[in-house]
Amino acid sequence: MDKIISAKNLIKKYDDTLALDQVSLEIYQGEVVGILGPNASSKTTLLKALAGMISLDQGEVLINDKDFSFKDYGQIVYMPDKDLSLIHI
């Protein structure tokens, strides 16, 4: 199977809070992936990082083995549970 998304050593900090601590994952074509965890465990931060909605302190996201860029926005969809106009990115 072809690798669609690859995330390597993602680190994201909000002030003194470490939200993502060297998170790595690979998602292959045809896979269905769920992200589970308790409240405030950075699930949304991970999804926003994969969708290119937030900047990372370290790490890289690859789409089809290429660096993520603005032209990839049409390939990734993030649907939050809140109105995007209320979210300040």
C-alpha atoms as a PDB file:
ATOM      1  CA  MET A   1       0.000   0.000   0.000  1.00  0.00           C
ATOM      2  CA  ASP A   2       1.061   3.580  -0.625  1.00  0.00           C
ATOM      3  CA  LYS A   3       1.887   5.821   2.325  1.00  0.00           C
ATOM      4  CA  ILE A   4      -0.423   8.859   2.214  1.00  0.00           C
ATOM      5  CA  ILE A   5       0.587  10.747   5.375  1.00  0.00           C
ATOM      6  CA  SER A   6       3.798  10.472   7.339  1.00  0.00           C
ATOM      7  CA  ALA A   7       4.468  12.493  10.478  1.00  0.00           C
ATOM      8  CA  LYS A   8       7.912  12.370  12.049  1.00  0.00           C
ATOM      9  CA  ASN A   9       8.853  13.543  15.534  1.00  0.00           C
ATOM     10  CA  LEU A  10       6.166  16.232  15.849  1.00  0.00           C
ATOM     11  CA  ILE A  11       6.692  18.617  18.740  1.00  0.00           C
ATOM     12  CA  LYS A  12       4.275  21.419  19.608  1.00  0.00           C
ATOM     13  CA  LYS A  13       4.434  23.609  22.714  1.00  0.00           C
ATOM     14  CA  TYR A  14       1.917  26.154  23.959  1.00  0.00           C
ATOM     15  CA  ASP A  15       3.862  28.358  26.365  1.00  0.00           C
ATOM     16  CA  ASP A  16       5.089  25.884  29.008  1.00  0.00           C
ATOM     17  CA  THR A  17       2.723  23.072  27.960  1.00  0.00           C
ATOM     18  CA  LEU A  18       4.112  20.300  25.757  1.00  0.00           C
ATOM     19  CA  ALA A  19       1.158  19.270  23.572  1.00  0.00           C
ATOM     20  CA  LEU A  20       2.910  16.934  21.121  1.00  0.00           C
ATOM     21  CA  ASP A  21       6.042  15.157  22.280  1.00  0.00           C
ATOM     22  CA  GLN A  22       7.852  13.536  19.325  1.00  0.00           C
ATOM     23  CA  VAL A  23       4.688  12.065  17.794  1.00  0.00           C
ATOM     24  CA  SER A  24       5.278   9.923  14.699  1.00  0.00           C
ATOM     25  CA  LEU A  25       2.756   8.050  12.568  1.00  0.00           C
ATOM     26  CA  GLU A  26       2.141   6.700   9.090  1.00  0.00           C
ATOM     27  CA  ILE A  27      -1.218   6.408   7.349  1.00  0.00           C
ATOM     28  CA  TYR A  28      -1.538   4.245   4.269  1.00  0.00           C
ATOM     29  CA  GLN A  29      -4.016   4.458   1.394  1.00  0.00           C
ATOM     30  CA  GLY A  30      -7.287   2.710   2.236  1.00  0.00           C
ATOM     31  CA  GLU A  31      -6.747   2.760   5.999  1.00  0.00           C
ATOM     32  CA  VAL A  32      -9.362   4.080   8.378  1.00  0.00           C
ATOM     33  CA  VAL A  33      -7.669   5.695  11.368  1.00  0.00           C
ATOM     34  CA  GLY A  34      -9.182   6.767  14.668  1.00  0.00           C
ATOM     35  CA  ILE A  35      -7.489   8.987  17.222  1.00  0.00           C
ATOM     36  CA  LEU A  36      -8.638   8.256  20.754  1.00  0.00           C
ATOM     37  CA  GLY A  37      -7.683   9.795  24.056  1.00  0.00           C
ATOM     38  CA  PRO A  38      -8.999  11.647  27.087  1.00  0.00           C
ATOM     39  CA  ASN A  39      -9.924  15.316  27.059  1.00  0.00           C
ATOM     40  CA  ALA A  40      -6.940  17.643  26.639  1.00  0.00           C
ATOM     41  CA  SER A  41      -4.630  14.909  25.323  1.00  0.00           C
ATOM     42  CA  SER A  42      -3.791  16.923  22.149  1.00  0.00           C
ATOM     43  CA  LYS A  43      -5.899  14.975  19.630  1.00  0.00           C
ATOM     44  CA  THR A  44      -7.072  18.223  18.016  1.00  0.00           C
ATOM     45  CA  THR A  45      -3.532  19.619  18.022  1.00  0.00           C
ATOM     46  CA  LEU A  46      -2.354  16.533  16.139  1.00  0.00           C
ATOM     47  CA  LEU A  47      -5.135  16.838  13.556  1.00  0.00           C
ATOM     48  CA  LYS A  48      -4.441  20.545  13.064  1.00  0.00           C
ATOM     49  CA  ALA A  49      -0.735  19.790  12.602  1.00  0.00           C
ATOM     50  CA  LEU A  50      -1.502  17.111  10.002  1.00  0.00           C
ATOM     51  CA  ALA A  51      -3.825  19.532   8.181  1.00  0.00           C
ATOM     52  CA  GLY A  52      -1.228  22.327   8.194  1.00  0.00           C
ATOM     53  CA  MET A  53      -3.409  24.586  10.342  1.00  0.00           C
ATOM     54  CA  ILE A  54      -0.770  25.190  13.015  1.00  0.00           C
ATOM     55  CA  SER A  55       2.965  25.546  12.948  1.00  0.00           C
ATOM     56  CA  LEU A  56       5.109  22.977  14.685  1.00  0.00           C
ATOM     57  CA  ASP A  57       8.085  23.606  16.927  1.00  0.00           C
ATOM     58  CA  GLN A  58       9.802  20.577  15.421  1.00  0.00           C
ATOM     59  CA  GLY A  59       9.130  17.654  13.093  1.00  0.00           C
ATOM     60  CA  GLU A  60       7.737  17.223   9.624  1.00  0.00           C
ATOM     61  CA  VAL A  61       4.545  16.168   7.901  1.00  0.00           C
ATOM     62  CA  LEU A  62       4.878  14.486   4.520  1.00  0.00           C
ATOM     63  CA  ILE A  63       1.997  14.025   2.094  1.00  0.00           C
ATOM     64  CA  ASN A  64       2.684  11.308  -0.495  1.00  0.00           C
ATOM     65  CA  ASP A  65       6.347  11.399   0.652  1.00  0.00           C
ATOM     66  CA  LYS A  66       6.672  15.122  -0.147  1.00  0.00           C
ATOM     67  CA  ASP A  67       6.913  18.117   2.161  1.00  0.00           C
ATOM     68  CA  PHE A  68       3.503  19.534   3.008  1.00  0.00           C
ATOM     69  CA  SER A  69       2.756  22.780   1.183  1.00  0.00           C
ATOM     70  CA  PHE A  70      -0.191  25.050   0.508  1.00  0.00           C
ATOM     71  CA  LYS A  71      -0.988  23.137  -2.707  1.00  0.00           C
ATOM     72  CA  ASP A  72      -1.770  20.082  -0.542  1.00  0.00           C
ATOM     73  CA  TYR A  73      -4.697  21.791   1.196  1.00  0.00           C
ATOM     74  CA  GLY A  74      -7.104  20.222  -1.302  1.00  0.00           C
ATOM     75  CA  GLN A  75      -5.936  16.738  -0.299  1.00  0.00           C
ATOM     76  CA  ILE A  76      -6.567  17.038   3.443  1.00  0.00           C
ATOM     77  CA  VAL A  77      -9.827  17.960   5.097  1.00  0.00           C
ATOM     78  CA  TYR A  78     -10.235  18.841   8.762  1.00  0.00           C
ATOM     79  CA  MET A  79     -13.805  19.235   9.996  1.00  0.00           C
ATOM     80  CA  PRO A  80     -13.892  20.623  13.537  1.00  0.00           C
ATOM     81  CA  ASP A  81     -16.868  20.241  15.825  1.00  0.00           C
ATOM     82  CA  LYS A  82     -17.076  24.044  16.135  1.00  0.00           C
ATOM     83  CA  ASP A  83     -17.531  26.882  13.678  1.00  0.00           C
ATOM     84  CA  LEU A  84     -14.089  27.725  12.241  1.00  0.00           C
ATOM     85  CA  SER A  85     -14.815  31.440  12.568  1.00  0.00           C
ATOM     86  CA  LEU A  86     -14.661  30.962  16.350  1.00  0.00           C
ATOM     87  CA  ILE A  87     -11.224  29.309  16.249  1.00  0.00           C
ATOM     88  CA  HIS A  88      -8.214  31.621  16.285  1.00  0.00           C
ATOM     89  CA  ILE A  89      -5.250  29.989  14.572  1.00  0.00           C
END
